[in-house]
Amino acid sequence: MPARYVLGLKRNSAEEAATAWAESHASAAGVPLVRVHVSSKRDAVAARSDPPTSTDVVLPPGPVPQALAGIVEDDDVLVIGTGKTGFIHGRVFGTMAFRIASSVRCTVAVIPQVDLRFRSGIIAGVKDDDLLERIVQAASAEAVQSGEPLQILHSSFAGIVPAPVETAGSAIEQAASLVSRLAPRAMRGTRETARPPAEALLDASRNAALIVIGAGHVHDGERSVGPVVQDILVNINAPVLIVPARPADPTA
């Protein structure tokens, strides 16, 4: 369970769904919700006429990813909204959600401005690496809290050459075994695909309530967020929960 939900706000209409998502999750988990206002000079003037509540923080003008990175803790969930929706049509570098996910050290929820009332199901994208357990744990916790069914999706696509069959089976089996312990009633099944992972996840999540994916790994203190996360955020069509890797223990 997160220590807090931190809602990043910038006074625009694309934040309504993110606000509702953050409020409902914080209430269900019984943890604080902190609203963080990312302010330009114009925002700062407006804030003086509309004083923040005791749970609000108004950040000074500056780069948004670095400002948010400075206020969140490892066990927070940072929630941000986006008006960007669509299907895969090419890679665009430097989107705000991608830059934020690359900068912060906590889990990030990116919520598009879409109607979530008639969506159902959680899709967890996994591969055979050290993020698998964290992704499944996060997806299972969401399934238990929301009552939504959970599906595990694994792509064997690896460029021209598919991943070895035993690797694909290992990832699916590990994930399914973990879900059976953490959220046995939520398990809807597993799905193996040879399609590129971002494409498969976006297609599977068109009517889903949530996608859960891994953020990448930390190297020399820098977080590496890969092309799958980037493609999904550029073409987001459902809420996305991005689970970070933890830095390696230097004493290990």
C-alpha atoms as a PDB file:
ATOM      1  CA  MET A   1       0.000   0.000   0.000  1.00  0.00           C
ATOM      2  CA  PRO A   2       1.373   3.446  -0.866  1.00  0.00           C
ATOM      3  CA  ALA A   3       2.115   5.966   1.861  1.00  0.00           C
ATOM      4  CA  ARG A   4       0.414   8.775  -0.095  1.00  0.00           C
ATOM      5  CA  TYR A   5      -1.186   9.565  -3.403  1.00  0.00           C
ATOM      6  CA  VAL A   6       0.391  12.722  -4.822  1.00  0.00           C
ATOM      7  CA  LEU A   7      -1.735  14.412  -7.480  1.00  0.00           C
ATOM      8  CA  GLY A   8       0.141  16.656  -9.894  1.00  0.00           C
ATOM      9  CA  LEU A   9      -2.053  19.534 -11.096  1.00  0.00           C
ATOM     10  CA  LYS A  10      -1.601  22.322 -13.622  1.00  0.00           C
ATOM     11  CA  ARG A  11      -5.084  23.832 -13.844  1.00  0.00           C
ATOM     12  CA  ASN A  12      -6.358  22.291 -17.067  1.00  0.00           C
ATOM     13  CA  SER A  13      -9.390  20.264 -18.138  1.00  0.00           C
ATOM     14  CA  ALA A  14      -7.339  17.096 -18.698  1.00  0.00           C
ATOM     15  CA  GLU A  15      -7.039  16.668 -14.924  1.00  0.00           C
ATOM     16  CA  GLU A  16     -10.646  15.812 -14.048  1.00  0.00           C
ATOM     17  CA  ALA A  17     -10.250  12.060 -14.571  1.00  0.00           C
ATOM     18  CA  ALA A  18      -6.883  12.045 -12.779  1.00  0.00           C
ATOM     19  CA  THR A  19      -8.370  13.905  -9.816  1.00  0.00           C
ATOM     20  CA  ALA A  20     -11.277  11.465  -9.534  1.00  0.00           C
ATOM     21  CA  TRP A  21      -8.902   8.485  -9.834  1.00  0.00           C
ATOM     22  CA  ALA A  22      -6.544   9.816  -7.159  1.00  0.00           C
ATOM     23  CA  GLU A  23      -9.364  10.725  -4.774  1.00  0.00           C
ATOM     24  CA  SER A  24     -11.049   7.326  -5.065  1.00  0.00           C
ATOM     25  CA  HIS A  25      -7.782   5.413  -4.636  1.00  0.00           C
ATOM     26  CA  ALA A  26      -6.628   7.450  -1.640  1.00  0.00           C
ATOM     27  CA  SER A  27     -10.032   7.046   0.002  1.00  0.00           C
ATOM     28  CA  ALA A  28     -10.143   3.283  -0.612  1.00  0.00           C
ATOM     29  CA  ALA A  29      -6.598   2.830   0.719  1.00  0.00           C
ATOM     30  CA  GLY A  30      -7.130   5.152   3.678  1.00  0.00           C
ATOM     31  CA  VAL A  31      -3.991   7.165   2.927  1.00  0.00           C
ATOM     32  CA  PRO A  32      -3.466  10.916   2.421  1.00  0.00           C
ATOM     33  CA  LEU A  33      -3.965  12.644  -0.905  1.00  0.00           C
ATOM     34  CA  VAL A  34      -1.591  15.549  -1.508  1.00  0.00           C
ATOM     35  CA  ARG A  35      -2.410  17.930  -4.351  1.00  0.00           C
ATOM     36  CA  VAL A  36       0.708  19.433  -5.867  1.00  0.00           C
ATOM     37  CA  HIS A  37       0.173  22.472  -8.077  1.00  0.00           C
ATOM     38  CA  VAL A  38       2.850  22.886 -10.721  1.00  0.00           C
ATOM     39  CA  SER A  39       2.834  26.633 -11.124  1.00  0.00           C
ATOM     40  CA  SER A  40       3.817  29.037 -13.851  1.00  0.00           C
ATOM     41  CA  LYS A  41       3.855  32.763 -13.006  1.00  0.00           C
ATOM     42  CA  ARG A  42       0.222  32.975 -14.100  1.00  0.00           C
ATOM     43  CA  ASP A  43      -0.672  29.985 -11.905  1.00  0.00           C
ATOM     44  CA  ALA A  44       0.994  31.651  -8.931  1.00  0.00           C
ATOM     45  CA  VAL A  45      -1.166  34.770  -9.366  1.00  0.00           C
ATOM     46  CA  ALA A  46      -4.324  32.641  -9.546  1.00  0.00           C
ATOM     47  CA  ALA A  47      -3.271  30.685  -6.476  1.00  0.00           C
ATOM     48  CA  ARG A  48      -3.178  33.878  -4.394  1.00  0.00           C
ATOM     49  CA  SER A  49      -6.877  34.475  -5.120  1.00  0.00           C
ATOM     50  CA  ASP A  50      -7.731  30.793  -4.584  1.00  0.00           C
ATOM     51  CA  PRO A  51      -5.771  29.727  -1.483  1.00  0.00           C
ATOM     52  CA  PRO A  52      -4.681  26.080  -1.397  1.00  0.00           C
ATOM     53  CA  THR A  53      -6.017  23.702   1.224  1.00  0.00           C
ATOM     54  CA  SER A  54      -3.866  22.205   3.945  1.00  0.00           C
ATOM     55  CA  THR A  55      -3.066  19.242   1.693  1.00  0.00           C
ATOM     56  CA  ASP A  56      -2.032  21.435  -1.242  1.00  0.00           C
ATOM     57  CA  VAL A  57       1.503  22.335  -2.264  1.00  0.00           C
ATOM     58  CA  VAL A  58       2.239  25.041  -4.835  1.00  0.00           C
ATOM     59  CA  LEU A  59       5.613  24.505  -6.463  1.00  0.00           C
ATOM     60  CA  PRO A  60       7.612  27.464  -7.772  1.00  0.00           C
ATOM     61  CA  PRO A  61       7.972  27.832 -11.550  1.00  0.00           C
ATOM     62  CA  GLY A  62      10.509  25.460 -13.040  1.00  0.00           C
ATOM     63  CA  PRO A  63      10.928  22.173 -14.912  1.00  0.00           C
ATOM     64  CA  VAL A  64       7.923  20.020 -14.011  1.00  0.00           C
ATOM     65  CA  PRO A  65       9.622  16.579 -13.875  1.00  0.00           C
ATOM     66  CA  GLN A  66      12.397  17.776 -11.575  1.00  0.00           C
ATOM     67  CA  ALA A  67       9.953  19.689  -9.373  1.00  0.00           C
ATOM     68  CA  LEU A  68       7.749  16.630  -8.882  1.00  0.00           C
ATOM     69  CA  ALA A  69      10.774  14.385  -8.359  1.00  0.00           C
ATOM     70  CA  GLY A  70      11.801  16.613  -5.481  1.00  0.00           C
ATOM     71  CA  ILE A  71       8.532  16.201  -3.594  1.00  0.00           C
ATOM     72  CA  VAL A  72       7.654  12.500  -3.945  1.00  0.00           C
ATOM     73  CA  GLU A  73       9.016   9.633  -1.857  1.00  0.00           C
ATOM     74  CA  ASP A  74       9.758   6.067  -2.932  1.00  0.00           C
ATOM     75  CA  ASP A  75       6.523   4.688  -1.459  1.00  0.00           C
ATOM     76  CA  ASP A  76       4.208   7.343  -2.950  1.00  0.00           C
ATOM     77  CA  VAL A  77       2.053   7.019  -6.055  1.00  0.00           C
ATOM     78  CA  LEU A  78       2.280  10.101  -8.256  1.00  0.00           C
ATOM     79  CA  VAL A  79      -0.910  10.676 -10.283  1.00  0.00           C
ATOM     80  CA  ILE A  80      -0.876  12.889 -13.372  1.00  0.00           C
ATOM     81  CA  GLY A  81      -3.489  13.579 -16.020  1.00  0.00           C
ATOM     82  CA  THR A  82      -3.101  13.792 -19.761  1.00  0.00           C
ATOM     83  CA  GLY A  83      -5.364  14.744 -22.637  1.00  0.00           C
ATOM     84  CA  LYS A  84      -3.310  12.573 -25.009  1.00  0.00           C
ATOM     85  CA  THR A  85      -5.144   9.501 -26.335  1.00  0.00           C
ATOM     86  CA  GLY A  86      -4.865   7.391 -29.464  1.00  0.00           C
ATOM     87  CA  PHE A  87      -3.270   4.337 -31.064  1.00  0.00           C
ATOM     88  CA  ILE A  88       0.288   3.690 -32.157  1.00  0.00           C
ATOM     89  CA  HIS A  89       1.271   6.043 -34.967  1.00  0.00           C
ATOM     90  CA  GLY A  90       4.969   6.630 -34.345  1.00  0.00           C
ATOM     91  CA  ARG A  91       7.335   7.474 -31.550  1.00  0.00           C
ATOM     92  CA  VAL A  92       7.450  10.986 -30.128  1.00  0.00           C
ATOM     93  CA  PHE A  93      10.262  11.808 -27.706  1.00  0.00           C
ATOM     94  CA  GLY A  94      10.036  14.192 -24.799  1.00  0.00           C
ATOM     95  CA  THR A  95       6.345  13.903 -23.859  1.00  0.00           C
ATOM     96  CA  MET A  96       5.667  15.273 -20.396  1.00  0.00           C
ATOM     97  CA  ALA A  97       4.353  12.013 -18.913  1.00  0.00           C
ATOM     98  CA  PHE A  98       7.405  10.140 -20.189  1.00  0.00           C
ATOM     99  CA  ARG A  99       9.780  12.761 -18.791  1.00  0.00           C
ATOM    100  CA  ILE A 100       8.064  12.627 -15.408  1.00  0.00           C
ATOM    101  CA  ALA A 101       8.157   8.814 -15.304  1.00  0.00           C
ATOM    102  CA  SER A 102      11.861   8.986 -16.153  1.00  0.00           C
ATOM    103  CA  SER A 103      12.582  11.476 -13.367  1.00  0.00           C
ATOM    104  CA  VAL A 104      10.693  10.285 -10.292  1.00  0.00           C
ATOM    105  CA  ARG A 105      11.559   7.296  -8.126  1.00  0.00           C
ATOM    106  CA  CYS A 106       8.018   6.251  -7.197  1.00  0.00           C
ATOM    107  CA  THR A 107       5.134   4.538  -8.970  1.00  0.00           C
ATOM    108  CA  VAL A 108       3.411   6.834 -11.487  1.00  0.00           C
ATOM    109  CA  ALA A 109      -0.240   6.660 -12.552  1.00  0.00           C
ATOM    110  CA  VAL A 110      -0.964   8.418 -15.853  1.00  0.00           C
ATOM    111  CA  ILE A 111      -4.700   8.974 -16.308  1.00  0.00           C
ATOM    112  CA  PRO A 112      -6.074  10.049 -19.703  1.00  0.00           C
ATOM    113  CA  GLN A 113      -9.198  12.175 -19.911  1.00  0.00           C
ATOM    114  CA  VAL A 114     -11.523   9.301 -20.845  1.00  0.00           C
ATOM    115  CA  ASP A 115     -14.784   7.996 -19.392  1.00  0.00           C
ATOM    116  CA  LEU A 116     -13.824   5.135 -17.066  1.00  0.00           C
ATOM    117  CA  ARG A 117     -17.341   4.212 -15.937  1.00  0.00           C
ATOM    118  CA  PHE A 118     -17.863   1.362 -18.398  1.00  0.00           C
ATOM    119  CA  ARG A 119     -14.327  -0.007 -18.464  1.00  0.00           C
ATOM    120  CA  SER A 120     -13.387  -3.272 -16.835  1.00  0.00           C
ATOM    121  CA  GLY A 121     -10.293  -5.329 -16.185  1.00  0.00           C
ATOM    122  CA  ILE A 122      -6.631  -4.843 -15.354  1.00  0.00           C
ATOM    123  CA  ILE A 123      -3.911  -5.805 -17.839  1.00  0.00           C
ATOM    124  CA  ALA A 124      -0.440  -6.495 -16.418  1.00  0.00           C
ATOM    125  CA  GLY A 125       2.369  -6.571 -18.969  1.00  0.00           C
ATOM    126  CA  VAL A 126       5.262  -8.772 -17.845  1.00  0.00           C
ATOM    127  CA  LYS A 127       8.511 -10.212 -19.091  1.00  0.00           C
ATOM    128  CA  ASP A 128      11.076 -12.518 -17.530  1.00  0.00           C
ATOM    129  CA  ASP A 129      13.057  -9.969 -15.522  1.00  0.00           C
ATOM    130  CA  ASP A 130      13.388  -8.634 -11.984  1.00  0.00           C
ATOM    131  CA  LEU A 131      10.438  -6.248 -12.434  1.00  0.00           C
ATOM    132  CA  LEU A 132       7.951  -9.091 -12.917  1.00  0.00           C
ATOM    133  CA  GLU A 133       7.250  -9.554  -9.217  1.00  0.00           C
ATOM    134  CA  ARG A 134       6.753  -5.828  -8.559  1.00  0.00           C
ATOM    135  CA  ILE A 135       4.402  -5.483 -11.547  1.00  0.00           C
ATOM    136  CA  VAL A 136       2.296  -8.456 -10.452  1.00  0.00           C
ATOM    137  CA  GLN A 137       2.204  -7.248  -6.847  1.00  0.00           C
ATOM    138  CA  ALA A 138       0.976  -3.810  -7.948  1.00  0.00           C
ATOM    139  CA  ALA A 139      -1.582  -5.261 -10.368  1.00  0.00           C
ATOM    140  CA  SER A 140      -2.852  -7.734  -7.766  1.00  0.00           C
ATOM    141  CA  ALA A 141      -3.239  -4.982  -5.174  1.00  0.00           C
ATOM    142  CA  GLU A 142      -5.255  -2.939  -7.684  1.00  0.00           C
ATOM    143  CA  ALA A 143      -7.422  -5.965  -8.486  1.00  0.00           C
ATOM    144  CA  VAL A 144      -8.126  -6.665  -4.812  1.00  0.00           C
ATOM    145  CA  GLN A 145      -8.936  -3.015  -4.088  1.00  0.00           C
ATOM    146  CA  SER A 146     -11.116  -2.447  -7.160  1.00  0.00           C
ATOM    147  CA  GLY A 147     -12.654  -5.893  -7.609  1.00  0.00           C
ATOM    148  CA  GLU A 148     -11.556  -5.870 -11.256  1.00  0.00           C
ATOM    149  CA  PRO A 149     -10.434  -9.077 -13.011  1.00  0.00           C
ATOM    150  CA  LEU A 150      -6.721  -9.337 -13.782  1.00  0.00           C
ATOM    151  CA  GLN A 151      -5.125 -10.635 -16.968  1.00  0.00           C
ATOM    152  CA  ILE A 152      -1.398 -11.264 -17.414  1.00  0.00           C
ATOM    153  CA  LEU A 153       0.005 -10.449 -20.857  1.00  0.00           C
ATOM    154  CA  HIS A 154       3.441 -11.451 -22.127  1.00  0.00           C
ATOM    155  CA  SER A 155       4.939 -10.665 -25.525  1.00  0.00           C
ATOM    156  CA  SER A 156       7.528 -12.973 -27.049  1.00  0.00           C
ATOM    157  CA  PHE A 157       8.381 -10.320 -29.626  1.00  0.00           C
ATOM    158  CA  ALA A 158      12.087  -9.478 -29.627  1.00  0.00           C
ATOM    159  CA  GLY A 159      12.618  -7.706 -32.920  1.00  0.00           C
ATOM    160  CA  ILE A 160      13.074 -10.173 -35.745  1.00  0.00           C
ATOM    161  CA  VAL A 161      13.618 -13.250 -33.571  1.00  0.00           C
ATOM    162  CA  PRO A 162      10.888 -14.340 -31.078  1.00  0.00           C
ATOM    163  CA  ALA A 163      11.915 -14.985 -27.491  1.00  0.00           C
ATOM    164  CA  PRO A 164      12.684 -18.614 -26.611  1.00  0.00           C
ATOM    165  CA  VAL A 165       9.554 -20.584 -25.773  1.00  0.00           C
ATOM    166  CA  GLU A 166      10.897 -21.562 -22.355  1.00  0.00           C
ATOM    167  CA  THR A 167      11.476 -17.881 -21.451  1.00  0.00           C
ATOM    168  CA  ALA A 168       7.926 -16.932 -22.425  1.00  0.00           C
ATOM    169  CA  GLY A 169       6.516 -19.835 -20.437  1.00  0.00           C
ATOM    170  CA  SER A 170       8.639 -18.979 -17.436  1.00  0.00           C
ATOM    171  CA  ALA A 171       7.372 -15.380 -17.280  1.00  0.00           C
ATOM    172  CA  ILE A 172       3.716 -16.365 -17.636  1.00  0.00           C
ATOM    173  CA  GLU A 173       4.030 -19.183 -15.108  1.00  0.00           C
ATOM    174  CA  GLN A 174       5.831 -17.014 -12.553  1.00  0.00           C
ATOM    175  CA  ALA A 175       3.246 -14.254 -12.879  1.00  0.00           C
ATOM    176  CA  ALA A 176       0.262 -16.611 -12.697  1.00  0.00           C
ATOM    177  CA  SER A 177       1.697 -18.353  -9.641  1.00  0.00           C
ATOM    178  CA  LEU A 178       2.199 -15.036  -7.875  1.00  0.00           C
ATOM    179  CA  VAL A 179      -1.328 -13.827  -8.686  1.00  0.00           C
ATOM    180  CA  SER A 180      -2.768 -17.110  -7.396  1.00  0.00           C
ATOM    181  CA  ARG A 181      -1.237 -16.292  -4.007  1.00  0.00           C
ATOM    182  CA  LEU A 182      -1.940 -12.550  -3.915  1.00  0.00           C
ATOM    183  CA  ALA A 183      -5.337 -12.236  -5.622  1.00  0.00           C
ATOM    184  CA  PRO A 184      -6.679 -15.697  -6.508  1.00  0.00           C
ATOM    185  CA  ARG A 185     -10.241 -14.498  -7.096  1.00  0.00           C
ATOM    186  CA  ALA A 186      -9.098 -11.772  -9.486  1.00  0.00           C
ATOM    187  CA  MET A 187      -7.220 -13.968 -11.953  1.00  0.00           C
ATOM    188  CA  ARG A 188      -8.940 -13.932 -15.348  1.00  0.00           C
ATOM    189  CA  GLY A 189      -6.191 -15.706 -17.231  1.00  0.00           C
ATOM    190  CA  THR A 190      -2.968 -15.254 -19.148  1.00  0.00           C
ATOM    191  CA  ARG A 191      -2.260 -14.276 -22.709  1.00  0.00           C
ATOM    192  CA  GLU A 192       0.827 -14.887 -24.815  1.00  0.00           C
ATOM    193  CA  THR A 193       1.399 -12.853 -27.986  1.00  0.00           C
ATOM    194  CA  ALA A 194       4.075 -12.486 -30.650  1.00  0.00           C
ATOM    195  CA  ARG A 195       3.097  -8.868 -31.337  1.00  0.00           C
ATOM    196  CA  PRO A 196       5.290  -5.972 -30.143  1.00  0.00           C
ATOM    197  CA  PRO A 197       4.522  -5.443 -26.445  1.00  0.00           C
ATOM    198  CA  ALA A 198       3.297  -1.834 -26.611  1.00  0.00           C
ATOM    199  CA  GLU A 199       1.011  -2.622 -29.535  1.00  0.00           C
ATOM    200  CA  ALA A 200      -0.370  -5.711 -27.785  1.00  0.00           C
ATOM    201  CA  LEU A 201      -0.938  -3.873 -24.496  1.00  0.00           C
ATOM    202  CA  LEU A 202      -2.676  -0.923 -26.156  1.00  0.00           C
ATOM    203  CA  ASP A 203      -4.922  -3.247 -28.141  1.00  0.00           C
ATOM    204  CA  ALA A 204      -5.787  -5.333 -25.061  1.00  0.00           C
ATOM    205  CA  SER A 205      -6.538  -2.260 -22.972  1.00  0.00           C
ATOM    206  CA  ARG A 206      -8.986  -0.425 -25.234  1.00  0.00           C
ATOM    207  CA  ASN A 207     -11.799  -1.165 -22.765  1.00  0.00           C
ATOM    208  CA  ALA A 208      -9.638  -1.854 -19.702  1.00  0.00           C
ATOM    209  CA  ALA A 209      -9.715   0.026 -16.421  1.00  0.00           C
ATOM    210  CA  LEU A 210      -5.916  -0.076 -16.005  1.00  0.00           C
ATOM    211  CA  ILE A 211      -2.620  -1.170 -17.576  1.00  0.00           C
ATOM    212  CA  VAL A 212       0.256  -2.047 -15.225  1.00  0.00           C
ATOM    213  CA  ILE A 213       3.795  -2.022 -16.644  1.00  0.00           C
ATOM    214  CA  GLY A 214       7.382  -1.693 -15.452  1.00  0.00           C
ATOM    215  CA  ALA A 215       9.337   1.536 -15.764  1.00  0.00           C
ATOM    216  CA  GLY A 216      12.765   0.125 -16.519  1.00  0.00           C
ATOM    217  CA  HIS A 217      15.900  -0.125 -14.446  1.00  0.00           C
ATOM    218  CA  VAL A 218      18.260   2.124 -12.541  1.00  0.00           C
ATOM    219  CA  HIS A 219      21.862   2.395 -13.723  1.00  0.00           C
ATOM    220  CA  ASP A 220      24.369   4.549 -11.816  1.00  0.00           C
ATOM    221  CA  GLY A 221      21.524   6.423 -10.157  1.00  0.00           C
ATOM    222  CA  GLU A 222      19.773   7.190 -13.472  1.00  0.00           C
ATOM    223  CA  ARG A 223      16.394   5.649 -14.304  1.00  0.00           C
ATOM    224  CA  SER A 224      16.070   4.097 -17.741  1.00  0.00           C
ATOM    225  CA  VAL A 225      12.489   4.118 -19.053  1.00  0.00           C
ATOM    226  CA  GLY A 226      12.272   1.998 -22.161  1.00  0.00           C
ATOM    227  CA  PRO A 227      10.512   2.279 -25.515  1.00  0.00           C
ATOM    228  CA  VAL A 228       7.504   0.194 -24.427  1.00  0.00           C
ATOM    229  CA  VAL A 229       6.599   2.754 -21.750  1.00  0.00           C
ATOM    230  CA  GLN A 230       7.244   5.543 -24.219  1.00  0.00           C
ATOM    231  CA  ASP A 231       4.998   4.082 -26.924  1.00  0.00           C
ATOM    232  CA  ILE A 232       2.200   3.422 -24.438  1.00  0.00           C
ATOM    233  CA  LEU A 233       2.312   6.949 -23.017  1.00  0.00           C
ATOM    234  CA  VAL A 234       2.409   8.582 -26.441  1.00  0.00           C
ATOM    235  CA  ASN A 235      -0.628   6.545 -27.525  1.00  0.00           C
ATOM    236  CA  ILE A 236      -2.352   6.147 -24.168  1.00  0.00           C
ATOM    237  CA  ASN A 237      -5.937   4.858 -24.283  1.00  0.00           C
ATOM    238  CA  ALA A 238      -6.426   3.716 -20.659  1.00  0.00           C
ATOM    239  CA  PRO A 239      -5.020   4.573 -17.230  1.00  0.00           C
ATOM    240  CA  VAL A 240      -1.432   3.352 -16.912  1.00  0.00           C
ATOM    241  CA  LEU A 241       0.344   2.421 -13.679  1.00  0.00           C
ATOM    242  CA  ILE A 242       4.131   2.511 -14.128  1.00  0.00           C
ATOM    243  CA  VAL A 243       6.002   0.511 -11.506  1.00  0.00           C
ATOM    244  CA  PRO A 244       9.652   1.468 -10.947  1.00  0.00           C
ATOM    245  CA  ALA A 245      12.584  -0.789 -10.323  1.00  0.00           C
ATOM    246  CA  ARG A 246      14.432  -0.250  -7.102  1.00  0.00           C
ATOM    247  CA  PRO A 247      18.129   0.679  -7.176  1.00  0.00           C
ATOM    248  CA  ALA A 248      20.422  -2.247  -6.561  1.00  0.00           C
ATOM    249  CA  ASP A 249      21.523  -2.670  -2.954  1.00  0.00           C
ATOM    250  CA  PRO A 250      25.223  -1.696  -2.900  1.00  0.00           C
ATOM    251  CA  THR A 251      25.804  -4.059   0.028  1.00  0.00           C
ATOM    252  CA  ALA A 252      24.331  -7.041  -1.811  1.00  0.00           C
END
